[in-house]
Amino acid sequence: MIHSTAIIEPGAKLGNNVSVGPYSYIGNDVVIGDNCIIESHVVVKGPSTIGSGNHIFQFASVGEACQDKKYNNEPTTLIMGDNNVIRECATIHRGTIQDQGVTKIGSNNLFMAYTHVAHDAVIGDNVIFANNASVAGHVHVGDWVILGGNSGVHQFCKIGAHAFIGMYSGVNKDVPPFVTTIGMPAGPAAINKEGMKRRGFESDEIMAVRRAYKAFYRKSLGAEEAIESLSEDAAKYPAVKLMVDFVKNSERGIVR
């Protein structure tokens, strides 16, 4: 159902069974997939492609031009997958030509009230942003990451899959997969053991990730030494290989 007070620009394309609530605005160059629910007072601008089954709550702003002062109205984009929930007053901005020109959101994510995804960010699948969590431009967030309330991530940082960013954490370095952080600036606290158990990791792989965490954070080893010490576990356990590859490829360095 399209409410009579909603504004749908002529260039917008809406799929089947899309609901748009009172006083919402859907701009040109916006594509919205099937079975999406757009509540009242929502703004969706383009170029943006929104997948199917997404639910965008009131006063959210999706696909707006970014806040980067270098942005000069270039036709950059937002691409969003399926079955995301975007709660009240969340903001998600399009990309810039200083990067790939696109902000990417995966599927099955939850963005709670007042969360923010800045330009050129890449968000994986099954991610949770708790209230007021924000990521700056060019941040990459892996699958199954949880960002606690009021946490923030500095531009160009990367958050590995299954990491847990504790509430009020201020992340200014890369966070390896499975690592839990806390503090301002954020530092490592433990592995996300509970998250791993909930997602079906076997106990031996969880123990291997714990050994990897100790190698990186508890044994006074340099990154290269830690990686070398984990070669056997990395060959045996995909989770450890994920951690090792992430640290090898980190450009900003990992949280300490």
Protein backbone atom coordinates (compact mmCIF):
# COMPACT_ATOMS: atom_id res chain seq x y z
CA MET A 1 0.00 0.00 0.00
CA ILE A 2 1.26 3.48 -0.87
CA HIS A 3 -0.14 6.12 1.48
CA SER A 4 -1.71 9.11 -0.23
CA THR A 5 0.70 11.53 1.47
CA ALA A 6 3.85 9.67 0.38
CA ILE A 7 5.90 11.16 -2.45
CA ILE A 8 7.25 8.70 -5.02
CA GLU A 9 9.36 10.38 -7.69
CA PRO A 10 8.76 9.26 -11.31
CA GLY A 11 12.19 7.66 -11.61
CA ALA A 12 11.71 5.37 -8.60
CA LYS A 13 11.00 1.67 -9.16
CA LEU A 14 9.09 -0.28 -6.52
CA GLY A 15 8.72 -4.06 -6.51
CA ASN A 16 5.69 -6.14 -5.65
CA ASN A 17 3.94 -5.80 -2.30
CA VAL A 18 5.91 -2.73 -1.19
CA SER A 19 4.31 -0.60 1.53
CA VAL A 20 5.16 3.11 1.88
CA GLY A 21 3.80 4.96 4.91
CA PRO A 22 2.57 8.52 5.42
CA TYR A 23 4.83 11.43 4.45
CA SER A 24 7.69 9.24 3.26
CA TYR A 25 9.78 10.28 0.27
CA ILE A 26 11.24 7.93 -2.36
CA GLY A 27 13.59 9.75 -4.75
CA ASN A 28 14.58 9.25 -8.35
CA ASP A 29 17.03 6.44 -9.16
CA VAL A 30 15.80 4.38 -6.21
CA VAL A 31 15.00 0.70 -6.77
CA ILE A 32 13.16 -1.06 -3.94
CA GLY A 33 12.67 -4.82 -4.08
CA ASP A 34 9.63 -6.92 -3.30
CA ASN A 35 7.96 -7.09 0.12
CA CYS A 36 9.69 -4.07 1.64
CA ILE A 37 8.01 -1.99 4.33
CA ILE A 38 8.79 1.73 4.42
CA GLU A 39 7.20 3.27 7.50
CA SER A 40 6.13 6.90 7.86
CA HIS A 41 8.46 9.91 7.45
CA VAL A 42 11.25 7.87 5.83
CA VAL A 43 13.57 9.40 3.20
CA VAL A 44 15.17 7.13 0.59
CA LYS A 45 17.32 8.84 -2.05
CA GLY A 46 19.39 7.54 -4.91
CA PRO A 47 21.02 6.22 -6.83
CA SER A 48 20.18 3.38 -4.42
CA THR A 49 19.23 -0.26 -4.87
CA ILE A 50 17.36 -1.80 -1.95
CA GLY A 51 16.78 -5.56 -1.97
CA SER A 52 13.68 -7.48 -0.91
CA GLY A 53 12.14 -7.90 2.52
CA ASN A 54 13.72 -4.83 4.10
CA HIS A 55 11.89 -2.95 6.85
CA ILE A 56 12.78 0.73 7.28
CA PHE A 57 11.29 2.46 10.30
CA GLN A 58 10.15 6.04 10.74
CA PHE A 59 12.51 8.98 10.36
CA ALA A 60 15.34 6.88 8.91
CA SER A 61 17.39 8.39 6.08
CA VAL A 62 18.73 5.91 3.53
CA GLY A 63 20.84 6.70 0.47
CA GLU A 64 21.39 10.35 1.26
CA ALA A 65 24.46 12.23 -0.02
CA CYS A 66 27.42 11.78 2.31
CA GLN A 67 28.86 14.30 4.77
CA ASP A 68 32.37 14.22 3.29
CA LYS A 69 33.35 17.78 2.33
CA LYS A 70 35.08 16.43 -0.80
CA TYR A 71 31.77 15.15 -2.12
CA ASN A 72 30.60 17.29 -5.04
CA ASN A 73 27.26 15.73 -5.95
CA GLU A 74 28.79 12.90 -8.01
CA PRO A 75 26.33 10.07 -8.85
CA THR A 76 27.55 7.57 -6.27
CA THR A 77 25.40 4.72 -4.99
CA LEU A 78 24.09 2.65 -2.12
CA ILE A 79 23.50 -1.07 -2.58
CA MET A 80 21.59 -2.96 0.10
CA GLY A 81 20.76 -6.66 0.28
CA ASP A 82 17.70 -8.40 1.70
CA ASN A 83 15.85 -8.67 5.00
CA ASN A 84 17.55 -5.80 6.79
CA VAL A 85 15.84 -3.94 9.63
CA ILE A 86 16.64 -0.23 9.87
CA ARG A 87 15.20 1.34 12.98
CA GLU A 88 14.19 4.88 13.89
CA CYS A 89 16.45 7.77 12.86
CA ALA A 90 19.22 5.56 11.44
CA THR A 91 21.27 7.11 8.62
CA ILE A 92 23.01 5.33 5.75
CA HIS A 93 24.92 7.39 3.17
CA ARG A 94 26.04 6.77 -0.40
CA GLY A 95 29.69 6.41 -1.43
CA THR A 96 32.29 8.79 -2.85
CA ILE A 97 34.48 8.78 -5.94
CA GLN A 98 37.52 8.78 -3.65
CA ASP A 99 36.74 5.08 -3.04
CA GLN A 100 34.66 2.69 -5.16
CA GLY A 101 31.73 5.08 -5.31
CA VAL A 102 29.41 2.76 -3.42
CA THR A 103 28.29 2.00 0.11
CA LYS A 104 27.40 -1.70 0.46
CA ILE A 105 25.06 -3.27 3.00
CA GLY A 106 24.63 -7.05 3.06
CA SER A 107 21.59 -9.01 4.23
CA ASN A 108 19.88 -9.90 7.51
CA ASN A 109 21.36 -6.98 9.42
CA LEU A 110 19.84 -4.98 12.27
CA PHE A 111 20.57 -1.26 12.55
CA MET A 112 19.03 -0.03 15.78
CA ALA A 113 17.86 3.51 16.47
CA TYR A 114 20.23 6.41 15.69
CA THR A 115 22.93 4.23 14.13
CA HIS A 116 25.05 5.62 11.30
CA VAL A 117 26.79 4.05 8.30
CA ALA A 118 29.03 6.56 6.53
CA HIS A 119 30.11 6.78 2.91
CA ASP A 120 31.93 3.87 1.26
CA ALA A 121 31.42 1.55 4.21
CA VAL A 122 31.04 -2.16 3.47
CA ILE A 123 28.83 -4.07 5.92
CA GLY A 124 28.55 -7.86 5.70
CA ASP A 125 25.65 -10.14 6.65
CA ASN A 126 24.00 -10.82 10.01
CA VAL A 127 25.54 -7.73 11.61
CA ILE A 128 23.99 -5.89 14.57
CA PHE A 129 24.52 -2.18 15.23
CA ALA A 130 23.16 -1.43 18.72
CA ASN A 131 21.71 2.00 19.49
CA ASN A 132 23.93 4.94 18.46
CA ALA A 133 26.72 2.75 17.05
CA SER A 134 28.45 4.46 14.13
CA VAL A 135 31.08 3.65 11.53
CA ALA A 136 33.00 6.32 9.65
CA GLY A 137 33.84 6.41 5.96
CA HIS A 138 35.53 3.48 4.24
CA VAL A 139 35.05 1.12 7.22
CA HIS A 140 34.64 -2.60 6.45
CA VAL A 141 32.60 -4.74 8.87
CA GLY A 142 32.62 -8.52 8.48
CA ASP A 143 29.78 -11.02 8.87
CA TRP A 144 28.21 -11.63 12.29
CA VAL A 145 29.86 -8.61 13.93
CA ILE A 146 28.07 -6.91 16.83
CA LEU A 147 28.72 -3.24 17.58
CA GLY A 148 27.65 -2.32 21.10
CA GLY A 149 25.70 0.78 22.00
CA ASN A 150 27.45 4.13 21.47
CA SER A 151 30.51 2.49 19.93
CA GLY A 152 32.34 4.15 17.07
CA VAL A 153 34.79 3.02 14.39
CA HIS A 154 37.38 5.35 12.85
CA GLN A 155 37.59 5.73 9.08
CA PHE A 156 39.37 3.02 7.05
CA CYS A 157 39.32 0.51 9.94
CA LYS A 158 38.32 -3.11 9.33
CA ILE A 159 36.34 -5.28 11.75
CA GLY A 160 36.80 -9.01 11.23
CA ALA A 161 33.96 -11.53 11.14
CA HIS A 162 32.41 -12.56 14.47
CA ALA A 163 34.12 -9.73 16.37
CA PHE A 164 32.26 -8.05 19.23
CA ILE A 165 32.76 -4.32 19.76
CA GLY A 166 31.80 -3.52 23.34
CA MET A 167 29.62 -0.56 24.28
CA TYR A 168 31.37 2.83 24.24
CA SER A 169 34.36 1.35 22.42
CA GLY A 170 36.31 3.78 20.25
CA VAL A 171 37.96 1.67 17.54
CA ASN A 172 40.96 3.26 15.79
CA LYS A 173 42.74 0.11 14.61
CA ASP A 174 41.67 -3.09 12.86
CA VAL A 175 39.87 -5.68 15.00
CA PRO A 176 40.71 -9.30 14.09
CA PRO A 177 37.94 -11.87 13.67
CA PHE A 178 36.45 -13.31 16.88
CA VAL A 179 38.02 -10.61 19.10
CA THR A 180 36.01 -8.69 21.70
CA THR A 181 37.05 -5.10 22.37
CA ILE A 182 36.29 -2.54 25.06
CA GLY A 183 37.52 0.91 25.97
CA MET A 184 38.48 4.29 24.55
CA PRO A 185 40.59 3.68 22.57
CA ALA A 186 39.36 0.12 22.15
CA GLY A 187 41.63 -2.69 23.28
CA PRO A 188 41.31 -6.48 23.14
CA ALA A 189 39.47 -8.13 26.02
CA ALA A 190 38.86 -11.78 25.01
CA ILE A 191 37.53 -13.89 22.17
CA ASN A 192 33.83 -13.87 21.35
CA LYS A 193 33.39 -17.37 22.75
CA GLU A 194 29.65 -17.09 23.35
CA GLY A 195 29.06 -15.87 19.80
CA MET A 196 31.08 -18.75 18.40
CA LYS A 197 29.08 -21.28 20.43
CA ARG A 198 25.78 -19.79 19.26
CA ARG A 199 26.91 -20.06 15.64
CA GLY A 200 27.84 -23.72 15.87
CA PHE A 201 31.64 -23.68 16.14
CA GLU A 202 33.01 -26.89 17.62
CA SER A 203 34.81 -26.75 20.97
CA ASP A 204 38.18 -27.69 19.48
CA GLU A 205 38.00 -24.81 16.98
CA ILE A 206 37.02 -22.39 19.75
CA MET A 207 40.05 -23.55 21.73
CA ALA A 208 42.24 -23.05 18.67
CA VAL A 209 40.94 -19.48 18.32
CA ARG A 210 41.71 -18.92 22.00
CA ARG A 211 45.29 -20.09 21.40
CA ALA A 212 45.53 -17.70 18.46
CA TYR A 213 44.26 -14.85 20.64
CA LYS A 214 46.92 -15.64 23.24
CA ALA A 215 49.61 -15.70 20.55
CA PHE A 216 48.61 -12.24 19.32
CA TYR A 217 47.87 -10.67 22.70
CA ARG A 218 49.33 -12.59 25.63
CA LYS A 219 52.77 -13.86 24.67
CA SER A 220 54.63 -10.64 23.85
CA LEU A 221 55.15 -11.83 20.28
CA GLY A 222 55.37 -9.59 17.26
CA ALA A 223 52.71 -10.10 14.61
CA GLU A 224 55.02 -12.09 12.32
CA GLU A 225 56.20 -14.29 15.19
CA ALA A 226 52.62 -14.94 16.27
CA ILE A 227 51.59 -15.82 12.73
CA GLU A 228 54.50 -18.24 12.40
CA SER A 229 53.61 -19.91 15.71
CA LEU A 230 50.06 -20.48 14.45
CA SER A 231 50.93 -22.13 11.14
CA GLU A 232 49.86 -25.60 12.25
CA ASP A 233 46.50 -24.48 13.69
CA ALA A 234 45.88 -22.25 10.66
CA ALA A 235 46.25 -25.25 8.39
CA LYS A 236 43.81 -27.27 10.48
CA TYR A 237 41.18 -24.74 11.58
CA PRO A 238 39.49 -22.31 9.15
CA ALA A 239 38.73 -19.89 11.99
CA VAL A 240 42.41 -19.56 12.87
CA LYS A 241 43.31 -19.12 9.21
CA LEU A 242 40.74 -16.33 9.03
CA MET A 243 42.45 -14.58 11.95
CA VAL A 244 45.94 -15.08 10.54
CA ASP A 245 45.02 -13.84 7.07
CA PHE A 246 43.29 -10.81 8.56
CA VAL A 247 46.37 -9.81 10.57
CA LYS A 248 48.65 -10.40 7.58
CA ASN A 249 46.55 -8.06 5.45
CA SER A 250 45.94 -5.36 8.06
CA GLU A 251 47.04 -1.93 6.86
CA ARG A 252 46.27 0.06 10.01
CA GLY A 253 47.58 -2.53 12.45
CA ILE A 254 45.41 -4.39 14.93
CA VAL A 255 44.01 -3.16 18.24
CA ARG A 256 46.41 -3.58 21.14
